[in-house]
N, C-alpha and C. Protein backbone atom coordinates (compact mmCIF):
# COMPACT_ATOMS: atom_id res chain seq x y z
N UNK A 1 18.21 10.35 29.52
CA UNK A 1 17.74 11.58 30.04
C UNK A 1 18.24 12.71 29.12
N UNK A 2 17.25 13.52 28.61
CA UNK A 2 17.48 14.69 27.81
C UNK A 2 17.28 16.03 28.70
N UNK A 3 17.80 17.03 28.13
CA UNK A 3 17.54 18.32 28.90
C UNK A 3 16.12 18.64 29.08
N UNK A 4 15.25 18.48 28.11
CA UNK A 4 13.79 18.75 28.12
C UNK A 4 13.17 17.94 29.25
N UNK A 5 13.53 16.66 29.29
CA UNK A 5 13.05 15.83 30.33
C UNK A 5 13.39 16.27 31.80
N UNK A 6 14.62 16.67 31.84
CA UNK A 6 15.13 17.14 33.16
C UNK A 6 14.37 18.40 33.48
N UNK A 7 14.30 19.31 32.63
CA UNK A 7 13.49 20.56 32.87
C UNK A 7 11.96 20.21 33.44
N UNK A 8 11.41 19.34 32.77
CA UNK A 8 9.98 18.95 33.07
C UNK A 8 10.06 18.35 34.46
N UNK A 9 11.04 17.56 34.82
CA UNK A 9 11.16 16.88 36.20
C UNK A 9 11.29 18.02 37.26
N UNK A 10 12.18 18.98 36.94
CA UNK A 10 12.50 20.16 37.96
C UNK A 10 11.24 21.14 38.00
N UNK A 11 10.63 21.25 36.94
CA UNK A 11 9.42 22.29 36.85
C UNK A 11 8.34 21.93 37.86
N UNK A 12 8.12 20.69 38.21
CA UNK A 12 7.15 20.49 39.29
C UNK A 12 7.58 20.91 40.67
N UNK A 13 9.01 20.81 40.86
CA UNK A 13 9.48 21.25 42.12
C UNK A 13 9.37 22.84 42.09
N UNK A 14 9.92 23.36 41.14
CA UNK A 14 9.95 24.91 41.05
C UNK A 14 8.57 25.55 41.17
N UNK A 15 7.55 24.82 40.59
CA UNK A 15 6.20 25.44 40.65
C UNK A 15 5.76 25.46 42.11
N UNK A 16 6.11 24.47 42.85
CA UNK A 16 5.78 24.30 44.28
C UNK A 16 6.47 25.29 45.13
N UNK A 17 7.71 25.74 44.85
CA UNK A 17 8.41 26.72 45.75
C UNK A 17 8.45 28.07 45.28
N UNK A 18 7.88 28.32 43.99
CA UNK A 18 7.93 29.74 43.38
C UNK A 18 7.25 30.58 44.29
N UNK A 19 7.89 31.85 44.51
CA UNK A 19 7.38 32.78 45.40
C UNK A 19 7.45 32.67 46.88
N UNK A 20 8.04 31.49 47.28
CA UNK A 20 8.28 31.33 48.71
C UNK A 20 9.55 32.03 49.12
N UNK A 21 9.63 32.53 50.36
CA UNK A 21 10.91 33.12 50.79
C UNK A 21 12.08 32.00 50.82
N UNK A 22 13.26 32.38 50.47
CA UNK A 22 14.40 31.43 50.64
C UNK A 22 14.89 31.69 52.03
N UNK A 23 14.49 30.73 52.92
CA UNK A 23 14.92 30.73 54.18
C UNK A 23 14.90 29.30 54.83
N UNK A 24 15.04 29.25 56.16
CA UNK A 24 15.10 27.99 56.83
C UNK A 24 13.75 27.22 56.68
N UNK A 25 12.71 27.99 56.70
CA UNK A 25 11.40 27.21 56.64
C UNK A 25 11.30 26.46 55.23
N UNK A 26 11.86 27.09 54.10
CA UNK A 26 11.84 26.44 52.85
C UNK A 26 12.74 25.24 52.95
N UNK A 27 13.92 25.27 53.56
CA UNK A 27 14.72 24.19 53.67
C UNK A 27 14.04 23.02 54.42
N UNK A 28 13.38 23.37 55.45
CA UNK A 28 12.57 22.26 56.20
C UNK A 28 11.61 21.71 55.39
N UNK A 29 10.84 22.54 54.60
CA UNK A 29 9.79 21.90 53.68
C UNK A 29 10.45 21.02 52.69
N UNK A 30 11.53 21.43 51.99
CA UNK A 30 12.09 20.58 51.02
C UNK A 30 12.69 19.37 51.61
N UNK A 31 13.24 19.33 52.82
CA UNK A 31 13.73 18.19 53.45
C UNK A 31 12.60 17.24 53.89
N UNK A 32 11.55 17.83 54.28
CA UNK A 32 10.37 16.90 54.71
C UNK A 32 9.59 16.42 53.52
N UNK A 33 9.42 17.15 52.40
CA UNK A 33 8.65 16.65 51.33
C UNK A 33 9.59 16.04 50.13
N UNK A 34 10.79 16.44 50.04
CA UNK A 34 11.56 15.97 48.92
C UNK A 34 13.01 15.65 49.36
N UNK A 35 13.09 15.21 50.57
CA UNK A 35 14.39 14.77 51.11
C UNK A 35 14.81 13.46 50.80
N UNK A 36 16.06 13.11 51.18
CA UNK A 36 16.52 11.59 50.94
C UNK A 36 15.48 10.65 51.30
N UNK A 37 15.26 9.72 50.52
CA UNK A 37 14.26 8.61 50.68
C UNK A 37 12.94 8.91 50.02
N UNK A 38 12.73 10.22 49.61
CA UNK A 38 11.53 10.43 48.88
C UNK A 38 11.68 10.12 47.40
N UNK A 39 10.54 9.94 46.83
CA UNK A 39 10.58 9.52 45.22
C UNK A 39 11.10 10.68 44.59
N UNK A 40 10.70 11.87 44.83
CA UNK A 40 11.28 13.10 44.08
C UNK A 40 12.75 13.17 44.22
N UNK A 41 13.31 13.06 45.39
CA UNK A 41 14.81 13.18 45.54
C UNK A 41 15.46 12.10 44.72
N UNK A 42 14.94 10.86 44.83
CA UNK A 42 15.53 9.74 44.00
C UNK A 42 15.48 10.00 42.56
N UNK A 43 14.36 10.58 42.11
CA UNK A 43 14.26 10.74 40.57
C UNK A 43 15.21 11.80 40.16
N UNK A 44 15.32 12.91 40.97
CA UNK A 44 16.18 14.04 40.56
C UNK A 44 17.70 13.45 40.56
N UNK A 45 18.08 12.73 41.63
CA UNK A 45 19.42 12.22 41.74
C UNK A 45 19.79 11.25 40.57
N UNK A 46 18.80 10.32 40.33
CA UNK A 46 18.96 9.42 39.16
C UNK A 46 19.11 10.17 37.85
N UNK A 47 18.32 11.26 37.72
CA UNK A 47 18.34 12.04 36.39
C UNK A 47 19.66 12.72 36.18
N UNK A 48 20.22 13.28 37.45
CA UNK A 48 21.57 13.84 37.29
C UNK A 48 22.67 12.89 36.95
N UNK A 49 22.56 11.75 37.57
CA UNK A 49 23.60 10.72 37.14
C UNK A 49 23.55 10.36 35.80
N UNK A 50 22.22 10.10 35.20
CA UNK A 50 22.10 9.73 33.86
C UNK A 50 22.52 10.95 32.87
N UNK A 51 22.24 12.14 33.29
CA UNK A 51 22.76 13.29 32.39
C UNK A 51 24.23 13.41 32.41
N UNK A 52 24.91 13.21 33.47
CA UNK A 52 26.33 13.17 33.50
C UNK A 52 26.80 12.08 32.74
N UNK A 53 26.21 10.91 32.71
CA UNK A 53 26.65 9.75 31.84
C UNK A 53 26.47 10.11 30.38
N UNK A 54 25.41 10.93 30.11
CA UNK A 54 25.09 11.27 28.70
C UNK A 54 26.07 12.38 28.24
N UNK A 55 26.80 13.06 29.15
CA UNK A 55 27.76 14.04 28.72
C UNK A 55 27.30 15.40 28.65
N UNK A 56 26.04 15.66 28.94
CA UNK A 56 25.55 17.13 28.89
C UNK A 56 25.45 17.83 30.19
N UNK A 57 25.61 17.23 31.28
CA UNK A 57 25.70 17.78 32.60
C UNK A 57 27.02 17.66 33.14
N UNK A 58 27.46 18.75 33.87
CA UNK A 58 28.87 18.85 34.44
C UNK A 58 29.85 18.63 33.35
N UNK A 59 29.73 19.23 32.26
CA UNK A 59 30.62 19.00 31.11
C UNK A 59 31.84 19.96 31.08
N UNK A 60 31.83 20.90 32.02
CA UNK A 60 33.01 21.76 32.15
C UNK A 60 33.86 21.35 33.46
N UNK A 61 35.21 21.62 33.34
CA UNK A 61 35.95 21.39 34.53
C UNK A 61 36.91 22.53 34.73
N UNK A 62 37.10 22.97 36.11
CA UNK A 62 38.10 23.90 36.44
C UNK A 62 38.32 23.94 37.86
N UNK A 63 39.59 23.97 38.28
CA UNK A 63 39.96 23.84 39.52
C UNK A 63 39.53 22.59 40.39
N UNK A 64 39.49 21.52 39.64
CA UNK A 64 39.05 20.31 40.23
C UNK A 64 37.60 20.03 40.49
N UNK A 65 36.77 21.02 39.87
CA UNK A 65 35.36 20.94 39.98
C UNK A 65 34.78 20.76 38.65
N UNK A 66 33.91 19.75 38.45
CA UNK A 66 33.04 19.55 37.30
C UNK A 66 31.74 20.42 37.43
N UNK A 67 31.34 21.23 36.50
CA UNK A 67 30.20 22.01 36.71
C UNK A 67 29.45 22.36 35.37
N UNK A 68 28.43 23.08 35.44
CA UNK A 68 27.80 23.52 34.24
C UNK A 68 26.42 24.05 34.58
N UNK A 69 25.95 25.25 33.91
CA UNK A 69 24.60 25.72 33.95
C UNK A 69 23.88 24.87 33.03
N UNK A 70 22.93 23.96 33.58
CA UNK A 70 22.18 23.12 32.88
C UNK A 70 20.98 23.76 32.08
N UNK A 71 20.43 24.78 32.80
CA UNK A 71 19.27 25.44 32.15
C UNK A 71 19.30 26.98 32.71
N UNK A 72 19.11 27.83 31.73
CA UNK A 72 19.23 29.29 32.18
C UNK A 72 17.83 29.45 32.75
N UNK A 73 17.70 30.67 33.38
CA UNK A 73 16.49 31.02 34.07
C UNK A 73 15.40 31.06 32.98
N UNK A 74 14.22 30.58 33.23
CA UNK A 74 13.11 30.48 32.25
C UNK A 74 11.73 30.45 32.95
N UNK A 75 10.74 30.90 32.26
CA UNK A 75 9.41 30.84 32.92
C UNK A 75 8.98 29.42 33.05
N UNK A 76 9.40 28.51 32.25
CA UNK A 76 9.02 27.04 32.53
C UNK A 76 9.59 26.52 33.81
N UNK A 77 10.48 27.24 34.35
CA UNK A 77 11.08 26.84 35.68
C UNK A 77 10.80 27.95 36.61
N UNK A 78 9.86 28.84 36.51
CA UNK A 78 9.47 29.80 37.39
C UNK A 78 10.50 30.85 37.72
N UNK A 79 11.28 31.10 36.70
CA UNK A 79 12.40 32.08 36.92
C UNK A 79 13.64 31.48 37.50
N UNK A 80 13.81 30.19 37.81
CA UNK A 80 14.97 29.59 38.27
C UNK A 80 15.84 29.22 37.22
N UNK A 81 17.22 29.25 37.50
CA UNK A 81 18.21 28.42 36.65
C UNK A 81 18.53 27.18 37.30
N UNK A 82 19.27 26.32 36.70
CA UNK A 82 19.70 25.10 37.25
C UNK A 82 21.26 25.00 36.97
N UNK A 83 21.95 24.84 37.93
CA UNK A 83 23.47 24.46 37.80
C UNK A 83 23.68 23.30 38.56
N UNK A 84 24.62 22.44 38.17
CA UNK A 84 24.97 21.22 38.84
C UNK A 84 26.56 21.12 38.85
N UNK A 85 27.05 20.81 40.06
CA UNK A 85 28.44 20.59 40.23
C UNK A 85 28.79 19.27 40.79
N UNK A 86 29.91 18.77 40.45
CA UNK A 86 30.48 17.52 40.95
C UNK A 86 31.82 17.70 41.69
N UNK A 87 31.82 17.73 42.98
CA UNK A 87 32.95 18.09 43.86
C UNK A 87 33.36 17.02 44.78
N UNK A 88 34.72 16.90 45.02
CA UNK A 88 35.16 15.85 45.89
C UNK A 88 36.19 16.57 46.82
N UNK A 89 35.96 16.52 48.15
CA UNK A 89 36.96 17.09 49.13
C UNK A 89 37.59 18.33 48.52
N UNK A 90 36.72 19.38 48.33
CA UNK A 90 37.40 20.61 47.74
C UNK A 90 36.48 21.76 48.16
N UNK A 91 37.21 22.91 48.20
CA UNK A 91 36.60 24.25 48.41
C UNK A 91 36.53 25.09 47.14
N UNK A 92 35.31 25.44 46.80
CA UNK A 92 35.01 26.10 45.53
C UNK A 92 35.22 27.56 45.68
N UNK A 93 35.06 28.44 44.61
CA UNK A 93 35.16 29.84 44.70
C UNK A 93 34.14 30.61 45.43
N UNK A 94 34.40 31.55 46.26
CA UNK A 94 33.47 32.43 46.96
C UNK A 94 32.54 33.02 46.01
N UNK A 95 31.25 32.95 46.31
CA UNK A 95 30.29 33.71 45.60
C UNK A 95 29.18 34.20 46.55
N UNK A 96 28.33 35.19 45.93
CA UNK A 96 27.32 35.74 46.66
C UNK A 96 26.03 35.45 45.92
N UNK A 97 24.92 35.30 46.56
CA UNK A 97 23.58 34.86 46.08
C UNK A 97 22.74 36.17 46.19
N UNK A 98 22.63 36.97 45.19
CA UNK A 98 21.79 38.18 45.22
C UNK A 98 20.29 37.86 45.67
N UNK A 99 19.82 36.78 45.02
CA UNK A 99 18.34 36.49 45.23
C UNK A 99 18.17 35.08 46.04
N UNK A 100 19.36 34.67 46.62
CA UNK A 100 19.30 33.40 47.38
C UNK A 100 19.79 32.19 46.44
N UNK A 101 19.85 31.10 47.15
CA UNK A 101 20.20 29.88 46.37
C UNK A 101 19.59 28.62 47.11
N UNK A 102 19.12 27.71 46.38
CA UNK A 102 18.50 26.43 46.96
C UNK A 102 19.39 25.35 46.40
N UNK A 103 19.88 24.55 47.39
CA UNK A 103 20.83 23.47 47.13
C UNK A 103 20.28 22.07 47.29
N UNK A 104 20.39 21.14 46.41
CA UNK A 104 20.03 19.81 46.68
C UNK A 104 21.42 18.99 46.75
N UNK A 105 21.63 18.40 47.83
CA UNK A 105 22.93 17.68 48.10
C UNK A 105 22.71 16.19 47.85
N UNK A 106 23.58 15.74 46.96
CA UNK A 106 23.53 14.29 46.54
C UNK A 106 24.85 13.61 46.71
N UNK A 107 25.10 12.99 47.84
CA UNK A 107 26.43 12.40 48.07
C UNK A 107 26.66 11.20 47.18
N UNK A 108 27.82 11.22 46.44
CA UNK A 108 28.15 10.08 45.73
C UNK A 108 29.08 9.09 46.60
N UNK A 109 29.64 9.69 47.55
CA UNK A 109 30.38 8.92 48.67
C UNK A 109 29.51 9.00 49.90
N UNK A 110 29.20 7.86 50.49
CA UNK A 110 28.43 7.89 51.76
C UNK A 110 28.94 8.80 52.84
N UNK A 111 28.18 9.70 53.34
CA UNK A 111 28.58 10.57 54.31
C UNK A 111 29.18 11.97 53.77
N UNK A 112 29.45 12.06 52.39
CA UNK A 112 29.86 13.34 52.11
C UNK A 112 28.92 14.46 52.39
N UNK A 113 29.60 15.67 52.70
CA UNK A 113 28.79 16.83 53.24
C UNK A 113 29.07 18.04 52.27
N UNK A 114 28.10 18.82 52.08
CA UNK A 114 28.27 20.10 51.43
C UNK A 114 27.94 21.23 52.40
N UNK A 115 29.00 22.09 52.64
CA UNK A 115 28.97 23.09 53.64
C UNK A 115 28.50 22.61 54.92
N UNK A 116 28.86 21.38 55.27
CA UNK A 116 28.52 20.71 56.55
C UNK A 116 27.17 20.00 56.59
N UNK A 117 26.49 20.15 55.39
CA UNK A 117 25.03 19.56 55.42
C UNK A 117 25.18 18.22 54.72
N UNK A 118 24.49 17.25 55.28
CA UNK A 118 24.41 15.80 54.56
C UNK A 118 23.39 15.96 53.55
N UNK A 119 23.05 14.62 52.90
CA UNK A 119 22.23 14.54 51.84
C UNK A 119 20.84 15.36 52.13
N UNK A 120 20.38 15.89 51.14
CA UNK A 120 19.10 16.67 51.38
C UNK A 120 19.26 18.05 50.82
N UNK A 121 18.64 19.05 51.43
CA UNK A 121 18.41 20.41 50.90
C UNK A 121 19.03 21.39 51.91
N UNK A 122 19.63 22.46 51.36
CA UNK A 122 19.91 23.59 52.17
C UNK A 122 19.67 24.82 51.37
N UNK A 123 19.29 25.95 51.99
CA UNK A 123 18.84 27.05 51.39
C UNK A 123 19.58 28.31 51.89
N UNK A 124 20.10 29.17 51.04
CA UNK A 124 20.82 30.27 51.33
C UNK A 124 19.94 31.48 51.20
N UNK A 125 19.77 32.49 51.98
CA UNK A 125 18.96 33.67 52.00
C UNK A 125 19.53 34.53 50.92
N UNK A 126 18.75 35.47 50.29
CA UNK A 126 19.20 36.52 49.45
C UNK A 126 20.29 37.33 50.10
N UNK A 127 21.35 37.54 49.43
CA UNK A 127 22.38 38.50 49.95
C UNK A 127 23.54 37.71 50.60
N UNK A 128 23.39 36.38 50.90
CA UNK A 128 24.25 35.51 51.50
C UNK A 128 25.31 35.10 50.41
N UNK A 129 26.48 34.56 51.18
CA UNK A 129 27.61 34.16 50.28
C UNK A 129 28.34 33.04 51.01
N UNK A 130 29.17 32.35 50.22
CA UNK A 130 29.97 31.18 50.79
C UNK A 130 31.01 30.77 49.75
N UNK A 131 31.95 29.87 50.29
CA UNK A 131 32.71 29.15 49.54
C UNK A 131 32.27 27.69 49.62
N UNK A 132 31.62 27.24 48.50
CA UNK A 132 31.02 26.00 48.48
C UNK A 132 32.14 24.82 48.77
N UNK A 133 31.71 24.05 49.78
CA UNK A 133 32.70 23.06 50.22
C UNK A 133 32.10 21.63 50.31
N UNK A 134 32.78 20.76 49.69
CA UNK A 134 32.44 19.34 49.89
C UNK A 134 33.60 18.76 50.67
N UNK A 135 33.09 17.98 51.70
CA UNK A 135 34.04 17.37 52.59
C UNK A 135 33.56 15.98 52.77
N UNK A 136 34.56 15.01 53.21
CA UNK A 136 34.23 13.67 53.49
C UNK A 136 33.74 12.83 52.30
N UNK A 137 34.25 13.28 51.06
CA UNK A 137 34.03 12.50 50.00
C UNK A 137 33.54 13.34 48.79
N UNK A 138 32.68 12.74 47.91
CA UNK A 138 32.35 13.35 46.63
C UNK A 138 30.79 13.43 46.65
N UNK A 139 30.34 14.58 46.05
CA UNK A 139 28.85 14.85 46.07
C UNK A 139 28.60 15.59 44.81
N UNK A 140 27.34 15.42 44.25
CA UNK A 140 26.69 16.35 43.25
C UNK A 140 26.00 17.29 44.14
N UNK A 141 25.91 18.57 43.59
CA UNK A 141 25.05 19.57 44.26
C UNK A 141 24.32 20.19 43.12
N UNK A 142 22.94 20.24 43.20
CA UNK A 142 22.15 21.01 42.17
C UNK A 142 21.81 22.25 42.78
N UNK A 143 22.08 23.44 42.05
CA UNK A 143 21.73 24.81 42.58
C UNK A 143 20.57 25.32 41.86
N UNK A 144 19.56 25.71 42.54
CA UNK A 144 18.55 26.60 41.99
C UNK A 144 18.59 27.91 42.27
N UNK A 145 18.79 28.90 41.22
CA UNK A 145 19.06 30.20 41.48
C UNK A 145 17.99 31.02 40.86
N UNK A 146 17.35 31.86 41.79
CA UNK A 146 16.36 32.75 41.24
C UNK A 146 16.87 33.79 40.26
N UNK A 147 16.36 33.87 39.06
CA UNK A 147 16.70 34.67 37.89
C UNK A 147 18.29 34.29 37.65
N UNK A 148 18.73 33.28 37.91
CA UNK A 148 20.08 32.75 37.68
C UNK A 148 21.20 33.53 38.33
N UNK A 149 20.82 34.38 39.34
CA UNK A 149 21.79 35.36 39.81
C UNK A 149 22.72 34.81 40.83
N UNK A 150 24.15 35.03 40.44
CA UNK A 150 25.18 34.62 41.20
C UNK A 150 26.43 35.59 40.88
N UNK A 151 27.19 35.98 41.89
CA UNK A 151 28.26 36.77 41.64
C UNK A 151 29.47 36.25 42.41
N UNK A 152 30.41 35.91 41.47
CA UNK A 152 31.71 35.41 42.10
C UNK A 152 32.52 36.46 42.54
N UNK A 153 33.06 36.45 43.75
CA UNK A 153 33.89 37.53 44.37
C UNK A 153 35.37 37.07 44.56
N UNK A 154 36.14 37.93 45.10
CA UNK A 154 37.51 37.66 45.44
C UNK A 154 37.66 37.42 46.92
N UNK A 155 36.62 37.35 47.57
CA UNK A 155 36.61 37.13 49.04
C UNK A 155 37.47 36.02 49.50
N UNK A 156 38.16 36.16 50.59
CA UNK A 156 39.07 35.04 51.17
C UNK A 156 38.26 34.05 51.97
């Protein structure tokens, strides 16, 4: 799995969701059309594992979290950036999503949760914020960020 192959894989998804409001209806759509058990979910999950094995995804580590911006925002991804993190039973740094955030949750440990969500998708609306938390094991989380916008804060 190379970066360009990964971008092509994700571009089909970003084309489908580009311009849609980042809200609960988008999360419901993603979970029904691209949720666990779907071919698209499996392909993205497999691609992430292959990219991590190849060494170009999640190549940074800090505070017990492996992470990395895989692709900066680009027209090929309809203005989204892609970040992927590898977390295990940990609370990450608080951040705000100026334009929202779309998360694909891929448990590496059966039953692992991201912010209380199981395998699948969750969507944060523009202006929302959180301390990303993986509990009950280890998970990969793929973040799609409109225009790559994220602001780390000092919030408790």
